[in-house]
Amino acid sequence: IEVEVIKPVDPFPSPLEESLTWDIYSSYVLLQPSEEMGTKVEVKAEGSGEVTETTTVDPLENYTIDDVKSALGEVTGDVLRNLQTEINEKLQKQEEAYTARISKLIKQ
């Protein structure tokens, strides 16, 4: 018995046709981590004009855990407030509908 298997694609598998469009896949998933994670900083020698050192700087290194927590707290708070507002509106509509039904039953 022979079983043929598809070879894995590195670093990520191909997009599923039913879930991701090509433009989203190519914009976010297909990006290489080295391009995303850092920018190159070149240090030139003062007199010679030659590049002596190239380093990669992570753009996220200046953020602390507290910065991330506060940003996530704000976003989460906004989402929860919107969700609470929607739930309150739906409950109010249901309450009004039940009140109208009860008042019809009492009048009969």
N, C-alpha and C. Protein backbone atom coordinates (compact mmCIF):
# COMPACT_ATOMS: atom_id res chain seq x y z
N ILE A 1 0.86 -1.17 0.00
CA ILE A 1 0.00 0.00 0.00
C ILE A 1 0.90 1.23 0.00
N GLU A 2 0.61 2.14 -0.91
CA GLU A 2 1.36 3.39 -1.00
C GLU A 2 0.45 4.55 -0.62
N VAL A 3 0.94 5.42 0.23
CA VAL A 3 0.19 6.60 0.62
C VAL A 3 1.02 7.81 0.24
N GLU A 4 0.43 8.69 -0.54
CA GLU A 4 1.12 9.92 -0.93
C GLU A 4 0.67 11.04 -0.01
N VAL A 5 1.64 11.78 0.48
CA VAL A 5 1.35 12.88 1.37
C VAL A 5 1.94 14.16 0.78
N ILE A 6 1.27 15.26 1.02
CA ILE A 6 1.75 16.55 0.54
C ILE A 6 2.89 17.00 1.44
N LYS A 7 3.93 17.52 0.83
CA LYS A 7 5.07 18.01 1.61
C LYS A 7 4.68 19.30 2.32
N PRO A 8 5.16 19.52 3.54
CA PRO A 8 4.81 20.74 4.26
C PRO A 8 5.45 21.96 3.62
N VAL A 9 4.77 23.09 3.75
CA VAL A 9 5.26 24.35 3.21
C VAL A 9 5.80 25.16 4.39
N ASP A 10 7.03 25.64 4.27
CA ASP A 10 7.63 26.42 5.35
C ASP A 10 7.54 27.89 5.02
N PRO A 11 7.39 28.79 5.91
CA PRO A 11 7.17 28.63 7.34
C PRO A 11 5.70 28.41 7.68
N PHE A 12 4.77 28.71 6.76
CA PHE A 12 3.35 28.55 7.03
C PHE A 12 2.71 27.73 5.93
N PRO A 13 1.63 27.05 6.22
CA PRO A 13 0.93 26.31 5.17
C PRO A 13 0.20 27.26 4.23
N SER A 14 -0.19 26.76 3.09
CA SER A 14 -0.93 27.57 2.13
C SER A 14 -2.28 27.95 2.72
N PRO A 15 -2.85 29.06 2.25
CA PRO A 15 -4.14 29.47 2.81
C PRO A 15 -5.25 28.51 2.38
N LEU A 16 -6.21 28.33 3.25
CA LEU A 16 -7.37 27.53 2.89
C LEU A 16 -8.26 28.36 1.99
N GLU A 17 -8.68 27.78 0.90
CA GLU A 17 -9.47 28.53 -0.06
C GLU A 17 -10.77 29.04 0.53
N GLU A 18 -11.34 28.27 1.46
CA GLU A 18 -12.63 28.65 2.00
C GLU A 18 -12.55 29.67 3.13
N SER A 19 -11.34 30.00 3.61
CA SER A 19 -11.29 30.89 4.76
C SER A 19 -10.55 32.20 4.51
N LEU A 20 -9.49 32.20 3.71
CA LEU A 20 -8.72 33.42 3.51
C LEU A 20 -8.66 33.79 2.03
N THR A 21 -8.85 35.06 1.77
CA THR A 21 -8.65 35.52 0.41
C THR A 21 -7.16 35.75 0.20
N TRP A 22 -6.74 35.78 -1.04
CA TRP A 22 -5.32 35.90 -1.33
C TRP A 22 -4.75 37.23 -0.84
N ASP A 23 -5.50 38.32 -0.96
CA ASP A 23 -4.97 39.61 -0.53
C ASP A 23 -4.73 39.65 0.98
N ILE A 24 -5.61 39.05 1.77
CA ILE A 24 -5.39 38.99 3.21
C ILE A 24 -4.20 38.08 3.52
N TYR A 25 -4.15 36.93 2.85
CA TYR A 25 -3.05 35.99 3.07
C TYR A 25 -1.71 36.64 2.73
N SER A 26 -1.66 37.30 1.57
CA SER A 26 -0.38 37.89 1.15
C SER A 26 0.00 39.10 2.00
N SER A 27 -1.00 39.80 2.55
CA SER A 27 -0.69 40.98 3.36
C SER A 27 -0.21 40.64 4.76
N TYR A 28 -0.79 39.61 5.36
CA TYR A 28 -0.50 39.36 6.77
C TYR A 28 0.27 38.07 7.02
N VAL A 29 -0.12 36.98 6.39
CA VAL A 29 0.48 35.69 6.69
C VAL A 29 1.78 35.49 5.94
N LEU A 30 1.84 35.95 4.71
CA LEU A 30 2.98 35.69 3.85
C LEU A 30 4.21 36.52 4.22
N LEU A 31 4.03 37.56 5.02
CA LEU A 31 5.16 38.41 5.40
C LEU A 31 6.20 37.59 6.16
N GLN A 32 7.44 37.84 5.85
CA GLN A 32 8.52 37.15 6.54
C GLN A 32 8.73 37.79 7.91
N PRO A 33 9.02 37.03 8.94
CA PRO A 33 9.20 37.59 10.27
C PRO A 33 10.33 38.60 10.36
N SER A 34 11.39 38.43 9.58
CA SER A 34 12.51 39.36 9.66
C SER A 34 12.12 40.74 9.13
N GLU A 35 11.25 40.77 8.12
CA GLU A 35 10.80 42.06 7.60
C GLU A 35 9.90 42.76 8.61
N GLU A 36 9.08 41.99 9.29
CA GLU A 36 8.11 42.54 10.19
C GLU A 36 8.73 42.99 11.51
N MET A 37 9.63 42.20 12.04
CA MET A 37 10.09 42.38 13.40
C MET A 37 11.11 43.50 13.59
N GLY A 38 11.86 43.83 12.62
CA GLY A 38 12.88 44.83 12.90
C GLY A 38 13.25 45.67 11.71
N THR A 39 13.98 46.71 12.00
CA THR A 39 14.52 47.55 10.96
C THR A 39 16.03 47.56 11.12
N LYS A 40 16.70 47.66 10.00
CA LYS A 40 18.16 47.63 10.04
C LYS A 40 18.70 49.03 10.31
N VAL A 41 19.68 49.09 11.15
CA VAL A 41 20.35 50.35 11.45
C VAL A 41 21.80 50.17 11.05
N GLU A 42 22.27 51.04 10.17
CA GLU A 42 23.65 50.94 9.70
C GLU A 42 24.47 52.05 10.35
N VAL A 43 25.61 51.67 10.85
CA VAL A 43 26.52 52.62 11.47
C VAL A 43 27.70 52.81 10.52
N LYS A 44 27.93 54.05 10.09
CA LYS A 44 29.02 54.32 9.15
C LYS A 44 30.21 54.89 9.91
N ALA A 45 31.38 54.51 9.44
CA ALA A 45 32.61 55.10 10.00
C ALA A 45 32.66 56.55 9.56
N GLU A 46 33.18 57.42 10.41
CA GLU A 46 33.09 58.85 10.14
C GLU A 46 33.87 59.30 8.91
N GLY A 47 35.04 58.82 8.70
CA GLY A 47 35.85 59.31 7.60
C GLY A 47 35.77 58.47 6.35
N SER A 48 35.59 57.18 6.48
CA SER A 48 35.74 56.30 5.32
C SER A 48 34.47 56.16 4.50
N GLY A 49 33.30 56.33 5.09
CA GLY A 49 32.06 56.16 4.35
C GLY A 49 31.65 54.70 4.22
N GLU A 50 32.40 53.79 4.82
CA GLU A 50 32.05 52.37 4.76
C GLU A 50 31.13 52.01 5.91
N VAL A 51 30.29 51.04 5.65
CA VAL A 51 29.39 50.56 6.69
C VAL A 51 30.18 49.60 7.57
N THR A 52 30.22 49.89 8.86
CA THR A 52 31.00 49.05 9.75
C THR A 52 30.14 48.06 10.53
N GLU A 53 28.90 48.41 10.81
CA GLU A 53 28.07 47.53 11.62
C GLU A 53 26.61 47.66 11.20
N THR A 54 25.92 46.55 11.10
CA THR A 54 24.50 46.54 10.81
C THR A 54 23.80 45.77 11.92
N THR A 55 22.84 46.42 12.56
CA THR A 55 22.09 45.76 13.63
C THR A 55 20.61 45.81 13.31
N THR A 56 19.87 44.93 13.91
CA THR A 56 18.42 44.90 13.74
C THR A 56 17.78 45.42 15.02
N VAL A 57 16.88 46.39 14.86
CA VAL A 57 16.21 46.99 16.00
C VAL A 57 14.75 46.54 15.98
N ASP A 58 14.30 45.99 17.08
CA ASP A 58 12.91 45.56 17.21
C ASP A 58 12.06 46.79 17.52
N PRO A 59 11.04 47.10 16.69
CA PRO A 59 10.23 48.29 16.94
C PRO A 59 9.38 48.18 18.20
N LEU A 60 9.21 46.98 18.73
CA LEU A 60 8.38 46.80 19.92
C LEU A 60 9.18 46.78 21.21
N GLU A 61 10.49 46.94 21.14
CA GLU A 61 11.30 46.79 22.34
C GLU A 61 11.10 47.91 23.35
N ASN A 62 10.58 49.06 22.93
CA ASN A 62 10.37 50.17 23.86
C ASN A 62 9.09 50.03 24.67
N TYR A 63 8.22 49.09 24.31
CA TYR A 63 6.97 48.88 25.02
C TYR A 63 7.18 47.94 26.20
N THR A 64 6.51 48.24 27.29
CA THR A 64 6.60 47.38 28.47
C THR A 64 5.32 46.58 28.61
N ILE A 65 5.32 45.65 29.54
CA ILE A 65 4.13 44.85 29.81
C ILE A 65 2.99 45.75 30.26
N ASP A 66 3.30 46.77 31.03
CA ASP A 66 2.26 47.69 31.50
C ASP A 66 1.61 48.44 30.35
N ASP A 67 2.40 48.83 29.33
CA ASP A 67 1.85 49.48 28.15
C ASP A 67 0.87 48.56 27.43
N VAL A 68 1.26 47.32 27.27
CA VAL A 68 0.41 46.35 26.59
C VAL A 68 -0.86 46.11 27.40
N LYS A 69 -0.71 45.97 28.72
CA LYS A 69 -1.87 45.74 29.58
C LYS A 69 -2.84 46.91 29.52
N SER A 70 -2.32 48.13 29.53
CA SER A 70 -3.21 49.29 29.50
C SER A 70 -3.92 49.40 28.16
N ALA A 71 -3.21 49.12 27.06
CA ALA A 71 -3.85 49.16 25.74
C ALA A 71 -4.92 48.09 25.63
N LEU A 72 -4.60 46.88 26.08
CA LEU A 72 -5.60 45.81 26.04
C LEU A 72 -6.77 46.11 26.97
N GLY A 73 -6.49 46.73 28.11
CA GLY A 73 -7.56 47.10 29.03
C GLY A 73 -8.52 48.09 28.41
N GLU A 74 -7.99 49.08 27.70
CA GLU A 74 -8.84 50.07 27.04
C GLU A 74 -9.71 49.42 25.97
N VAL A 75 -9.09 48.60 25.13
CA VAL A 75 -9.82 47.95 24.05
C VAL A 75 -10.88 47.01 24.61
N THR A 76 -10.50 46.23 25.61
CA THR A 76 -11.45 45.30 26.23
C THR A 76 -12.60 46.06 26.88
N GLY A 77 -12.29 47.15 27.55
CA GLY A 77 -13.33 47.97 28.18
C GLY A 77 -14.32 48.50 27.16
N ASP A 78 -13.82 49.00 26.03
CA ASP A 78 -14.69 49.51 24.98
C ASP A 78 -15.60 48.41 24.44
N VAL A 79 -15.01 47.26 24.17
CA VAL A 79 -15.80 46.14 23.63
C VAL A 79 -16.87 45.71 24.62
N LEU A 80 -16.49 45.60 25.89
CA LEU A 80 -17.47 45.17 26.90
C LEU A 80 -18.57 46.20 27.11
N ARG A 81 -18.23 47.49 27.05
CA ARG A 81 -19.26 48.52 27.17
C ARG A 81 -20.25 48.44 26.01
N ASN A 82 -19.73 48.26 24.79
CA ASN A 82 -20.62 48.13 23.64
C ASN A 82 -21.50 46.90 23.76
N LEU A 83 -20.93 45.80 24.21
CA LEU A 83 -21.69 44.57 24.39
C LEU A 83 -22.76 44.75 25.46
N GLN A 84 -22.43 45.40 26.55
CA GLN A 84 -23.39 45.64 27.62
C GLN A 84 -24.53 46.52 27.13
N THR A 85 -24.22 47.53 26.33
CA THR A 85 -25.25 48.40 25.78
C THR A 85 -26.20 47.62 24.88
N GLU A 86 -25.65 46.77 24.02
CA GLU A 86 -26.49 45.95 23.14
C GLU A 86 -27.38 45.02 23.94
N ILE A 87 -26.84 44.39 24.96
CA ILE A 87 -27.62 43.47 25.79
C ILE A 87 -28.74 44.22 26.51
N ASN A 88 -28.43 45.40 27.04
CA ASN A 88 -29.45 46.19 27.73
C ASN A 88 -30.57 46.60 26.79
N GLU A 89 -30.23 46.98 25.55
CA GLU A 89 -31.25 47.35 24.57
C GLU A 89 -32.15 46.17 24.24
N LYS A 90 -31.56 45.00 24.03
CA LYS A 90 -32.36 43.81 23.73
C LYS A 90 -33.26 43.43 24.89
N LEU A 91 -32.73 43.51 26.11
CA LEU A 91 -33.55 43.20 27.29
C LEU A 91 -34.70 44.18 27.44
N GLN A 92 -34.45 45.44 27.16
CA GLN A 92 -35.50 46.44 27.26
C GLN A 92 -36.60 46.18 26.24
N LYS A 93 -36.22 45.79 25.02
CA LYS A 93 -37.22 45.47 23.99
C LYS A 93 -38.05 44.27 24.40
N GLN A 94 -37.40 43.24 24.96
CA GLN A 94 -38.13 42.06 25.41
C GLN A 94 -39.06 42.40 26.57
N GLU A 95 -38.59 43.25 27.47
CA GLU A 95 -39.42 43.66 28.60
C GLU A 95 -40.66 44.40 28.13
N GLU A 96 -40.48 45.30 27.15
CA GLU A 96 -41.62 46.03 26.61
C GLU A 96 -42.60 45.09 25.92
N ALA A 97 -42.08 44.10 25.19
CA ALA A 97 -42.95 43.15 24.51
C ALA A 97 -43.74 42.32 25.52
N TYR A 98 -43.09 41.86 26.57
CA TYR A 98 -43.79 41.07 27.59
C TYR A 98 -44.80 41.92 28.36
N THR A 99 -44.46 43.16 28.63
CA THR A 99 -45.39 44.06 29.31
C THR A 99 -46.63 44.28 28.46
N ALA A 100 -46.44 44.45 27.15
CA ALA A 100 -47.58 44.63 26.25
C ALA A 100 -48.45 43.38 26.23
N ARG A 101 -47.84 42.20 26.21
CA ARG A 101 -48.61 40.95 26.22
C ARG A 101 -49.40 40.79 27.52
N ILE A 102 -48.75 41.10 28.63
CA ILE A 102 -49.42 40.97 29.92
C ILE A 102 -50.59 41.94 30.02
N SER A 103 -50.40 43.16 29.55
CA SER A 103 -51.48 44.15 29.61
C SER A 103 -52.65 43.73 28.72
N LYS A 104 -52.39 43.06 27.59
CA LYS A 104 -53.46 42.55 26.74
C LYS A 104 -54.23 41.45 27.46
N LEU A 105 -53.51 40.58 28.16
CA LEU A 105 -54.16 39.49 28.89
C LEU A 105 -55.01 40.01 30.04
N ILE A 106 -54.55 41.06 30.70
CA ILE A 106 -55.30 41.63 31.82
C ILE A 106 -56.57 42.30 31.33
N LYS A 107 -56.53 42.96 30.18
CA LYS A 107 -57.70 43.67 29.64
C LYS A 107 -58.79 42.71 29.20
N GLN A 108 -58.45 41.49 28.88
CA GLN A 108 -59.46 40.55 28.39
C GLN A 108 -60.33 40.11 29.46
